[in-house]
PDB file of all heavy atoms in Angstrom:
ATOM      1  N   HIS A   1      91.052  94.118  85.605  1.00  0.00           N
ATOM      2  CA  HIS A   1      91.853  95.167  86.239  1.00  0.00           C
ATOM      3  C   HIS A   1      90.924  96.028  87.131  1.00  0.00           C
ATOM      4  O   HIS A   1      90.171  96.816  86.654  1.00  0.00           O
ATOM      5  CB  HIS A   1      92.457  96.064  85.162  1.00  0.00           C
ATOM      6  CG  HIS A   1      93.548  96.969  85.697  1.00  0.00           C
ATOM      7  ND1 HIS A   1      94.881  96.758  85.416  1.00  0.00           N
ATOM      8  CD2 HIS A   1      93.451  98.076  86.461  1.00  0.00           C
ATOM      9  CE1 HIS A   1      95.557  97.702  86.022  1.00  0.00           C
ATOM     10  NE2 HIS A   1      94.736  98.514  86.657  1.00  0.00           N
ATOM     11  N   HIS A   2      91.090  95.829  88.466  1.00  0.00           N
ATOM     12  CA  HIS A   2      90.456  96.712  89.392  1.00  0.00           C
ATOM     13  C   HIS A   2      91.337  96.815  90.658  1.00  0.00           C
ATOM     14  O   HIS A   2      92.256  96.041  90.822  1.00  0.00           O
ATOM     15  CB  HIS A   2      89.035  96.238  89.738  1.00  0.00           C
ATOM     16  CG  HIS A   2      88.954  95.078  90.650  1.00  0.00           C
ATOM     17  ND1 HIS A   2      88.991  95.203  92.028  1.00  0.00           N
ATOM     18  CD2 HIS A   2      88.908  93.742  90.393  1.00  0.00           C
ATOM     19  CE1 HIS A   2      88.939  93.993  92.592  1.00  0.00           C
ATOM     20  NE2 HIS A   2      88.887  93.120  91.595  1.00  0.00           N
ATOM     21  N   HIS A   3      90.958  97.725  91.522  1.00  0.00           N
ATOM     22  CA  HIS A   3      91.668  97.967  92.742  1.00  0.00           C
ATOM     23  C   HIS A   3      90.766  97.977  93.940  1.00  0.00           C
ATOM     24  O   HIS A   3      89.536  98.159  93.772  1.00  0.00           O
ATOM     25  CB  HIS A   3      92.448  99.328  92.699  1.00  0.00           C
ATOM     26  CG  HIS A   3      93.253  99.513  91.456  1.00  0.00           C
ATOM     27  ND1 HIS A   3      94.448  98.941  91.245  1.00  0.00           N
ATOM     28  CD2 HIS A   3      92.976 100.291  90.354  1.00  0.00           C
ATOM     29  CE1 HIS A   3      94.936  99.320  90.068  1.00  0.00           C
ATOM     30  NE2 HIS A   3      94.070 100.123  89.499  1.00  0.00           N
ATOM     31  N   VAL A   4      91.336  97.829  95.106  1.00  0.00           N
ATOM     32  CA  VAL A   4      90.623  98.184  96.369  1.00  0.00           C
ATOM     33  C   VAL A   4      91.704  98.813  97.251  1.00  0.00           C
ATOM     34  O   VAL A   4      92.890  98.561  97.104  1.00  0.00           O
ATOM     35  CB  VAL A   4      90.015  96.947  97.084  1.00  0.00           C
ATOM     36  CG1 VAL A   4      88.883  96.329  96.241  1.00  0.00           C
ATOM     37  CG2 VAL A   4      91.070  95.901  97.423  1.00  0.00           C
ATOM     38  N   TRP A   5      91.209  99.632  98.221  1.00  0.00           N
ATOM     39  CA  TRP A   5      92.161 100.131  99.249  1.00  0.00           C
ATOM     40  C   TRP A   5      91.434 100.567 100.479  1.00  0.00           C
ATOM     41  O   TRP A   5      90.226 100.879 100.410  1.00  0.00           O
ATOM     42  CB  TRP A   5      93.039 101.305  98.701  1.00  0.00           C
ATOM     43  CG  TRP A   5      92.252 102.463  98.120  1.00  0.00           C
ATOM     44  CD1 TRP A   5      91.607 103.466  98.812  1.00  0.00           C
ATOM     45  CD2 TRP A   5      92.089 102.737  96.739  1.00  0.00           C
ATOM     46  NE1 TRP A   5      91.085 104.365  97.987  1.00  0.00           N
ATOM     47  CE2 TRP A   5      91.348 103.991  96.666  1.00  0.00           C
ATOM     48  CE3 TRP A   5      92.510 102.151  95.553  1.00  0.00           C
ATOM     49  CZ2 TRP A   5      90.963 104.555  95.475  1.00  0.00           C
ATOM     50  CZ3 TRP A   5      92.146 102.752  94.377  1.00  0.00           C
ATOM     51  CH2 TRP A   5      91.413 103.895  94.314  1.00  0.00           C
ATOM     52  N   ASP A   6      92.052 100.547 101.599  1.00  0.00           N
ATOM     53  CA  ASP A   6      91.468 100.891 102.911  1.00  0.00           C
ATOM     54  C   ASP A   6      92.403 101.979 103.535  1.00  0.00           C
ATOM     55  O   ASP A   6      93.541 101.650 103.907  1.00  0.00           O
ATOM     56  CB  ASP A   6      91.419  99.633 103.768  1.00  0.00           C
ATOM     57  CG  ASP A   6      90.693  99.928 105.035  1.00  0.00           C
ATOM     58  OD1 ASP A   6      90.552 101.169 105.462  1.00  0.00           O
ATOM     59  OD2 ASP A   6      90.284  98.924 105.727  1.00  0.00           O
ATOM     60  N   LEU A   7      91.890 103.171 103.541  1.00  0.00           N
ATOM     61  CA  LEU A   7      92.731 104.295 104.049  1.00  0.00           C
ATOM     62  C   LEU A   7      92.996 104.204 105.533  1.00  0.00           C
ATOM     63  O   LEU A   7      93.835 104.911 106.053  1.00  0.00           O
ATOM     64  CB  LEU A   7      92.020 105.631 103.720  1.00  0.00           C
ATOM     65  CG  LEU A   7      91.961 105.959 102.222  1.00  0.00           C
ATOM     66  CD1 LEU A   7      91.338 107.340 102.034  1.00  0.00           C
ATOM     67  CD2 LEU A   7      93.328 105.869 101.527  1.00  0.00           C
ATOM     68  N   SER A   8      92.229 103.308 106.227  1.00  0.00           N
ATOM     69  CA  SER A   8      92.526 103.118 107.653  1.00  0.00           C
ATOM     70  C   SER A   8      93.716 102.170 107.849  1.00  0.00           C
ATOM     71  O   SER A   8      94.327 102.133 108.945  1.00  0.00           O
ATOM     72  CB  SER A   8      91.294 102.574 108.338  1.00  0.00           C
ATOM     73  OG  SER A   8      91.065 101.210 108.016  1.00  0.00           O
ATOM     74  N   VAL A   9      94.075 101.462 106.785  1.00  0.00           N
ATOM     75  CA  VAL A   9      95.257 100.605 106.821  1.00  0.00           C
ATOM     76  C   VAL A   9      96.498 101.321 106.372  1.00  0.00           C
ATOM     77  O   VAL A   9      97.544 101.298 107.039  1.00  0.00           O
ATOM     78  CB  VAL A   9      95.047  99.338 105.962  1.00  0.00           C
ATOM     79  CG1 VAL A   9      96.311  98.495 105.865  1.00  0.00           C
ATOM     80  CG2 VAL A   9      93.851  98.532 106.479  1.00  0.00           C
ATOM     81  N   ARG A  10      96.380 102.049 105.270  1.00  0.00           N
ATOM     82  CA  ARG A  10      97.535 102.861 104.799  1.00  0.00           C
ATOM     83  C   ARG A  10      97.020 103.906 103.831  1.00  0.00           C
ATOM     84  O   ARG A  10      95.974 103.723 103.143  1.00  0.00           O
ATOM     85  CB  ARG A  10      98.599 101.981 104.121  1.00  0.00           C
ATOM     86  CG  ARG A  10      98.276 101.457 102.788  1.00  0.00           C
ATOM     87  CD  ARG A  10      99.410 100.658 102.227  1.00  0.00           C
ATOM     88  NE  ARG A  10      99.820  99.574 103.150  1.00  0.00           N
ATOM     89  CZ  ARG A  10      99.234  98.398 103.208  1.00  0.00           C
ATOM     90  NH1 ARG A  10      98.230  98.078 102.370  1.00  0.00           N
ATOM     91  NH2 ARG A  10      99.618  97.486 104.053  1.00  0.00           N
ATOM     92  N   ASP A  11      97.798 104.958 103.711  1.00  0.00           N
ATOM     93  CA  ASP A  11      97.488 106.045 102.763  1.00  0.00           C
ATOM     94  C   ASP A  11      97.721 105.578 101.363  1.00  0.00           C
ATOM     95  O   ASP A  11      98.568 104.729 101.095  1.00  0.00           O
ATOM     96  CB  ASP A  11      98.258 107.286 103.105  1.00  0.00           C
ATOM     97  CG  ASP A  11      97.839 108.500 102.287  1.00  0.00           C
ATOM     98  OD1 ASP A  11      96.650 108.627 101.931  1.00  0.00           O
ATOM     99  OD2 ASP A  11      98.734 109.351 101.970  1.00  0.00           O
ATOM    100  N   GLN A  12      97.029 106.211 100.460  1.00  0.00           N
ATOM    101  CA  GLN A  12      97.288 106.067  99.002  1.00  0.00           C
ATOM    102  C   GLN A  12      97.798 107.426  98.563  1.00  0.00           C
ATOM    103  O   GLN A  12      97.048 108.312  98.172  1.00  0.00           O
ATOM    104  CB  GLN A  12      96.010 105.630  98.265  1.00  0.00           C
ATOM    105  CG  GLN A  12      95.393 104.323  98.751  1.00  0.00           C
ATOM    106  CD  GLN A  12      96.180 103.127  98.303  1.00  0.00           C
ATOM    107  OE1 GLN A  12      96.673 103.090  97.191  1.00  0.00           O
ATOM    108  NE2 GLN A  12      96.268 102.124  99.148  1.00  0.00           N
ATOM    109  N   ASP A  13      99.091 107.626  98.610  1.00  0.00           N
ATOM    110  CA  ASP A  13      99.649 108.960  98.449  1.00  0.00           C
ATOM    111  C   ASP A  13      99.577 109.476  96.998  1.00  0.00           C
ATOM    112  O   ASP A  13      99.877 110.610  96.762  1.00  0.00           O
ATOM    113  CB  ASP A  13     101.096 109.017  98.967  1.00  0.00           C
ATOM    114  CG  ASP A  13     102.019 108.048  98.256  1.00  0.00           C
ATOM    115  OD1 ASP A  13     101.587 107.368  97.275  1.00  0.00           O
ATOM    116  OD2 ASP A  13     103.200 107.909  98.671  1.00  0.00           O
ATOM    117  N   TRP A  14      99.109 108.598  96.074  1.00  0.00           N
ATOM    118  CA  TRP A  14      98.990 109.045  94.699  1.00  0.00           C
ATOM    119  C   TRP A  14      97.632 109.741  94.512  1.00  0.00           C
ATOM    120  O   TRP A  14      97.383 110.368  93.419  1.00  0.00           O
ATOM    121  CB  TRP A  14      99.060 107.862  93.762  1.00  0.00           C
ATOM    122  CG  TRP A  14      98.112 106.724  94.055  1.00  0.00           C
ATOM    123  CD1 TRP A  14      98.280 105.734  94.983  1.00  0.00           C
ATOM    124  CD2 TRP A  14      96.822 106.561  93.493  1.00  0.00           C
ATOM    125  NE1 TRP A  14      97.171 104.918  94.983  1.00  0.00           N
ATOM    126  CE2 TRP A  14      96.267 105.401  94.124  1.00  0.00           C
ATOM    127  CE3 TRP A  14      96.083 107.226  92.516  1.00  0.00           C
ATOM    128  CZ2 TRP A  14      95.003 104.913  93.766  1.00  0.00           C
ATOM    129  CZ3 TRP A  14      94.805 106.739  92.172  1.00  0.00           C
ATOM    130  CH2 TRP A  14      94.306 105.572  92.805  1.00  0.00           C
ATOM    131  N   ILE A  15      96.701 109.670  95.472  1.00  0.00           N
ATOM    132  CA  ILE A  15      95.418 110.249  95.336  1.00  0.00           C
ATOM    133  C   ILE A  15      95.457 111.718  95.856  1.00  0.00           C
ATOM    134  O   ILE A  15      95.896 112.001  96.937  1.00  0.00           O
ATOM    135  CB  ILE A  15      94.342 109.514  96.172  1.00  0.00           C
ATOM    136  CG1 ILE A  15      94.262 108.071  95.736  1.00  0.00           C
ATOM    137  CG2 ILE A  15      92.981 110.155  96.012  1.00  0.00           C
ATOM    138  CD1 ILE A  15      93.351 107.187  96.542  1.00  0.00           C
ATOM    139  N   ALA A  16      95.035 112.665  94.979  1.00  0.00           N
ATOM    140  CA  ALA A  16      95.108 114.063  95.313  1.00  0.00           C
ATOM    141  C   ALA A  16      94.178 114.413  96.510  1.00  0.00           C
ATOM    142  O   ALA A  16      93.106 113.848  96.641  1.00  0.00           O
ATOM    143  CB  ALA A  16      94.745 114.901  94.098  1.00  0.00           C
ATOM    144  N   PRO A  17      94.580 115.342  97.315  1.00  0.00           N
ATOM    145  CA  PRO A  17      93.706 115.807  98.362  1.00  0.00           C
ATOM    146  C   PRO A  17      92.386 116.346  97.830  1.00  0.00           C
ATOM    147  O   PRO A  17      92.365 117.056  96.788  1.00  0.00           O
ATOM    148  CB  PRO A  17      94.525 116.947  99.058  1.00  0.00           C
ATOM    149  CG  PRO A  17      95.924 116.621  98.755  1.00  0.00           C
ATOM    150  CD  PRO A  17      95.887 116.020  97.337  1.00  0.00           C
ATOM    151  N   GLY A  18      91.295 115.941  98.416  1.00  0.00           N
ATOM    152  CA  GLY A  18      89.983 116.395  97.924  1.00  0.00           C
ATOM    153  C   GLY A  18      89.364 115.556  96.807  1.00  0.00           C
ATOM    154  O   GLY A  18      88.256 115.811  96.435  1.00  0.00           O
ATOM    155  N   SER A  19      90.133 114.632  96.324  1.00  0.00           N
ATOM    156  CA  SER A  19      89.590 113.773  95.242  1.00  0.00           C
ATOM    157  C   SER A  19      88.514 112.878  95.790  1.00  0.00           C
ATOM    158  O   SER A  19      88.527 112.430  96.959  1.00  0.00           O
ATOM    159  CB  SER A  19      90.732 112.893  94.680  1.00  0.00           C
ATOM    160  OG  SER A  19      90.210 111.889  93.822  1.00  0.00           O
ATOM    161  N   PRO A  20      87.464 112.607  94.937  1.00  0.00           N
ATOM    162  CA  PRO A  20      86.462 111.635  95.318  1.00  0.00           C
ATOM    163  C   PRO A  20      87.040 110.226  95.590  1.00  0.00           C
ATOM    164  O   PRO A  20      86.358 109.414  96.214  1.00  0.00           O
ATOM    165  CB  PRO A  20      85.517 111.589  94.112  1.00  0.00           C
ATOM    166  CG  PRO A  20      85.773 112.859  93.372  1.00  0.00           C
ATOM    167  CD  PRO A  20      87.177 113.193  93.601  1.00  0.00           C
ATOM    168  N   LEU A  21      88.223 109.983  95.116  1.00  0.00           N
ATOM    169  CA  LEU A  21      88.858 108.665  95.390  1.00  0.00           C
ATOM    170  C   LEU A  21      89.469 108.611  96.799  1.00  0.00           C
ATOM    171  O   LEU A  21      89.862 107.526  97.230  1.00  0.00           O
ATOM    172  CB  LEU A  21      89.973 108.437  94.335  1.00  0.00           C
ATOM    173  CG  LEU A  21      89.533 108.332  92.934  1.00  0.00           C
ATOM    174  CD1 LEU A  21      90.747 108.091  91.988  1.00  0.00           C
ATOM    175  CD2 LEU A  21      88.476 107.197  92.677  1.00  0.00           C
ATOM    176  N   ARG A  22      89.509 109.722  97.496  1.00  0.00           N
ATOM    177  CA  ARG A  22      90.182 109.706  98.816  1.00  0.00           C
ATOM    178  C   ARG A  22      89.194 109.210  99.887  1.00  0.00           C
ATOM    179  O   ARG A  22      88.738 109.922 100.748  1.00  0.00           O
ATOM    180  CB  ARG A  22      90.726 111.092  99.143  1.00  0.00           C
ATOM    181  CG  ARG A  22      91.470 111.100 100.475  1.00  0.00           C
ATOM    182  CD  ARG A  22      92.489 112.233 100.530  1.00  0.00           C
ATOM    183  NE  ARG A  22      93.699 111.925  99.777  1.00  0.00           N
ATOM    184  CZ  ARG A  22      94.623 111.011 100.154  1.00  0.00           C
ATOM    185  NH1 ARG A  22      94.502 110.416 101.289  1.00  0.00           N
ATOM    186  NH2 ARG A  22      95.687 110.800  99.426  1.00  0.00           N
ATOM    187  N   ARG A  23      88.799 107.920  99.692  1.00  0.00           N
ATOM    188  CA  ARG A  23      88.030 107.192 100.686  1.00  0.00           C
ATOM    189  C   ARG A  23      88.312 105.696 100.513  1.00  0.00           C
ATOM    190  O   ARG A  23      88.992 105.320  99.566  1.00  0.00           O
ATOM    191  CB  ARG A  23      86.558 107.478 100.576  1.00  0.00           C
ATOM    192  CG  ARG A  23      85.902 106.965  99.250  1.00  0.00           C
ATOM    193  CD  ARG A  23      84.400 107.149  99.320  1.00  0.00           C
ATOM    194  NE  ARG A  23      83.703 106.589  98.141  1.00  0.00           N
ATOM    195  CZ  ARG A  23      83.335 105.319  98.015  1.00  0.00           C
ATOM    196  NH1 ARG A  23      83.579 104.459  99.020  1.00  0.00           N
ATOM    197  NH2 ARG A  23      82.649 104.948  96.933  1.00  0.00           N
ATOM    198  N   THR A  24      87.824 104.877 101.394  1.00  0.00           N
ATOM    199  CA  THR A  24      88.046 103.473 101.304  1.00  0.00           C
ATOM    200  C   THR A  24      87.115 102.857 100.267  1.00  0.00           C
ATOM    201  O   THR A  24      85.909 103.156 100.191  1.00  0.00           O
ATOM    202  CB  THR A  24      87.828 102.814 102.678  1.00  0.00           C
ATOM    203  OG1 THR A  24      88.862 103.288 103.556  1.00  0.00           O
ATOM    204  CG2 THR A  24      87.853 101.329 102.604  1.00  0.00           C
ATOM    205  N   PHE A  25      87.689 101.948  99.461  1.00  0.00           N
ATOM    206  CA  PHE A  25      86.921 101.170  98.481  1.00  0.00           C
ATOM    207  C   PHE A  25      87.221  99.671  98.729  1.00  0.00           C
ATOM    208  O   PHE A  25      88.341  99.303  98.744  1.00  0.00           O
ATOM    209  CB  PHE A  25      87.345 101.499  97.068  1.00  0.00           C
ATOM    210  CG  PHE A  25      86.883 102.883  96.581  1.00  0.00           C
ATOM    211  CD1 PHE A  25      87.691 104.006  96.829  1.00  0.00           C
ATOM    212  CD2 PHE A  25      85.673 103.093  95.948  1.00  0.00           C
ATOM    213  CE1 PHE A  25      87.318 105.275  96.404  1.00  0.00           C
ATOM    214  CE2 PHE A  25      85.280 104.351  95.519  1.00  0.00           C
ATOM    215  CZ  PHE A  25      86.107 105.455  95.759  1.00  0.00           C
ATOM    216  N   THR A  26      86.154  98.938  98.945  1.00  0.00           N
ATOM    217  CA  THR A  26      86.330  97.517  99.303  1.00  0.00           C
ATOM    218  C   THR A  26      85.607  96.619  98.239  1.00  0.00           C
ATOM    219  O   THR A  26      84.894  97.078  97.413  1.00  0.00           O
ATOM    220  CB  THR A  26      85.736  97.214 100.674  1.00  0.00           C
ATOM    221  OG1 THR A  26      84.289  97.295 100.557  1.00  0.00           O
ATOM    222  CG2 THR A  26      86.216  98.173 101.715  1.00  0.00           C
ATOM    223  N   THR A  27      85.871  95.309  98.391  1.00  0.00           N
ATOM    224  CA  THR A  27      85.196  94.351  97.486  1.00  0.00           C
ATOM    225  C   THR A  27      83.716  94.389  97.761  1.00  0.00           C
ATOM    226  O   THR A  27      82.926  94.048  96.858  1.00  0.00           O
ATOM    227  CB  THR A  27      85.753  92.954  97.691  1.00  0.00           C
ATOM    228  OG1 THR A  27      85.669  92.623  99.098  1.00  0.00           O
ATOM    229  CG2 THR A  27      87.182  92.886  97.197  1.00  0.00           C
ATOM    230  N   ALA A  28      83.265  94.724  98.959  1.00  0.00           N
ATOM    231  CA  ALA A  28      81.837  94.849  99.228  1.00  0.00           C
ATOM    232  C   ALA A  28      81.190  95.958  98.402  1.00  0.00           C
ATOM    233  O   ALA A  28      80.023  95.906  98.060  1.00  0.00           O
ATOM    234  CB  ALA A  28      81.606  95.071 100.723  1.00  0.00           C
ATOM    235  N   ASP A  29      81.963  96.984  98.135  1.00  0.00           N
ATOM    236  CA  ASP A  29      81.523  98.098  97.243  1.00  0.00           C
ATOM    237  C   ASP A  29      81.454  97.607  95.798  1.00  0.00           C
ATOM    238  O   ASP A  29      80.543  97.945  95.016  1.00  0.00           O
ATOM    239  CB  ASP A  29      82.396  99.317  97.356  1.00  0.00           C
ATOM    240  CG  ASP A  29      82.486  99.896  98.728  1.00  0.00           C
ATOM    241  OD1 ASP A  29      81.419 100.026  99.339  1.00  0.00           O
ATOM    242  OD2 ASP A  29      83.611 100.194  99.192  1.00  0.00           O
ATOM    243  N   LEU A  30      82.459  96.869  95.393  1.00  0.00           N
ATOM    244  CA  LEU A  30      82.588  96.400  94.021  1.00  0.00           C
ATOM    245  C   LEU A  30      81.604  95.320  93.643  1.00  0.00           C
ATOM    246  O   LEU A  30      80.983  95.319  92.524  1.00  0.00           O
ATOM    247  CB  LEU A  30      83.994  95.888  93.794  1.00  0.00           C
ATOM    248  CG  LEU A  30      84.253  95.177  92.434  1.00  0.00           C
ATOM    249  CD1 LEU A  30      84.127  96.146  91.259  1.00  0.00           C
ATOM    250  CD2 LEU A  30      85.624  94.521  92.408  1.00  0.00           C
ATOM    251  N   ALA A  31      81.439  94.298  94.490  1.00  0.00           N
ATOM    252  CA  ALA A  31      80.731  93.065  94.116  1.00  0.00           C
ATOM    253  C   ALA A  31      79.339  93.301  93.530  1.00  0.00           C
ATOM    254  O   ALA A  31      79.050  92.731  92.459  1.00  0.00           O
ATOM    255  CB  ALA A  31      80.721  92.118  95.328  1.00  0.00           C
ATOM    256  N   PRO A  32      78.512  94.095  94.132  1.00  0.00           N
ATOM    257  CA  PRO A  32      77.149  94.221  93.549  1.00  0.00           C
ATOM    258  C   PRO A  32      77.170  94.869  92.177  1.00  0.00           C
ATOM    259  O   PRO A  32      76.368  94.519  91.296  1.00  0.00           O
ATOM    260  CB  PRO A  32      76.369  95.056  94.543  1.00  0.00           C
ATOM    261  CG  PRO A  32      77.424  95.693  95.410  1.00  0.00           C
ATOM    262  CD  PRO A  32      78.596  94.780  95.431  1.00  0.00           C
ATOM    263  N   GLN A  33      78.091  95.828  91.974  1.00  0.00           N
ATOM    264  CA  GLN A  33      78.197  96.434  90.646  1.00  0.00           C
ATOM    265  C   GLN A  33      78.716  95.485  89.629  1.00  0.00           C
ATOM    266  O   GLN A  33      78.233  95.436  88.465  1.00  0.00           O
ATOM    267  CB  GLN A  33      79.144  97.642  90.722  1.00  0.00           C
ATOM    268  CG  GLN A  33      78.701  98.738  91.745  1.00  0.00           C
ATOM    269  CD  GLN A  33      79.728  99.879  91.761  1.00  0.00           C
ATOM    270  OE1 GLN A  33      79.883 100.623  90.820  1.00  0.00           O
ATOM    271  NE2 GLN A  33      80.341  99.975  92.917  1.00  0.00           N
ATOM    272  N   ALA A  34      79.697  94.700  90.003  1.00  0.00           N
ATOM    273  CA  ALA A  34      80.270  93.707  89.052  1.00  0.00           C
ATOM    274  C   ALA A  34      79.266  92.649  88.690  1.00  0.00           C
ATOM    275  O   ALA A  34      79.020  92.294  87.546  1.00  0.00           O
ATOM    276  CB  ALA A  34      81.493  93.032  89.687  1.00  0.00           C
ATOM    277  N   ARG A  35      78.527  92.147  89.736  1.00  0.00           N
ATOM    278  CA  ARG A  35      77.514  91.106  89.444  1.00  0.00           C
ATOM    279  C   ARG A  35      76.401  91.653  88.571  1.00  0.00           C
ATOM    280  O   ARG A  35      75.933  90.964  87.662  1.00  0.00           O
ATOM    281  CB  ARG A  35      76.913  90.609  90.786  1.00  0.00           C
ATOM    282  CG  ARG A  35      77.896  89.898  91.691  1.00  0.00           C
ATOM    283  CD  ARG A  35      78.396  88.665  91.097  1.00  0.00           C
ATOM    284  NE  ARG A  35      79.164  87.876  92.078  1.00  0.00           N
ATOM    285  CZ  ARG A  35      80.047  86.942  91.759  1.00  0.00           C
ATOM    286  NH1 ARG A  35      80.331  86.644  90.502  1.00  0.00           N
ATOM    287  NH2 ARG A  35      80.670  86.240  92.706  1.00  0.00           N
ATOM    288  N   ALA A  36      75.963  92.863  88.818  1.00  0.00           N
ATOM    289  CA  ALA A  36      74.927  93.497  88.048  1.00  0.00           C
ATOM    290  C   ALA A  36      75.344  93.603  86.571  1.00  0.00           C
ATOM    291  O   ALA A  36      74.468  93.604  85.649  1.00  0.00           O
ATOM    292  CB  ALA A  36      74.504  94.848  88.610  1.00  0.00           C
ATOM    293  N   ALA A  37      76.619  93.803  86.340  1.00  0.00           N
ATOM    294  CA  ALA A  37      77.114  93.968  84.963  1.00  0.00           C
ATOM    295  C   ALA A  37      77.478  92.646  84.310  1.00  0.00           C
ATOM    296  O   ALA A  37      77.925  92.642  83.129  1.00  0.00           O
ATOM    297  CB  ALA A  37      78.381  94.840  85.011  1.00  0.00           C
ATOM    298  N   GLY A  38      77.240  91.521  84.998  1.00  0.00           N
ATOM    299  CA  GLY A  38      77.511  90.206  84.412  1.00  0.00           C
ATOM    300  C   GLY A  38      78.935  89.742  84.594  1.00  0.00           C
ATOM    301  O   GLY A  38      79.395  88.800  83.954  1.00  0.00           O
TER     302      GLY A  38
END
């Protein structure tokens, strides 16, 4: 269970204004963390 989103493609209106989540998260961000964790 994980997600990705690109705010340049569409808004994620469930994310509160000012939240640290209000930015784009991609698989390029995820992959090194996932690999490092096995």
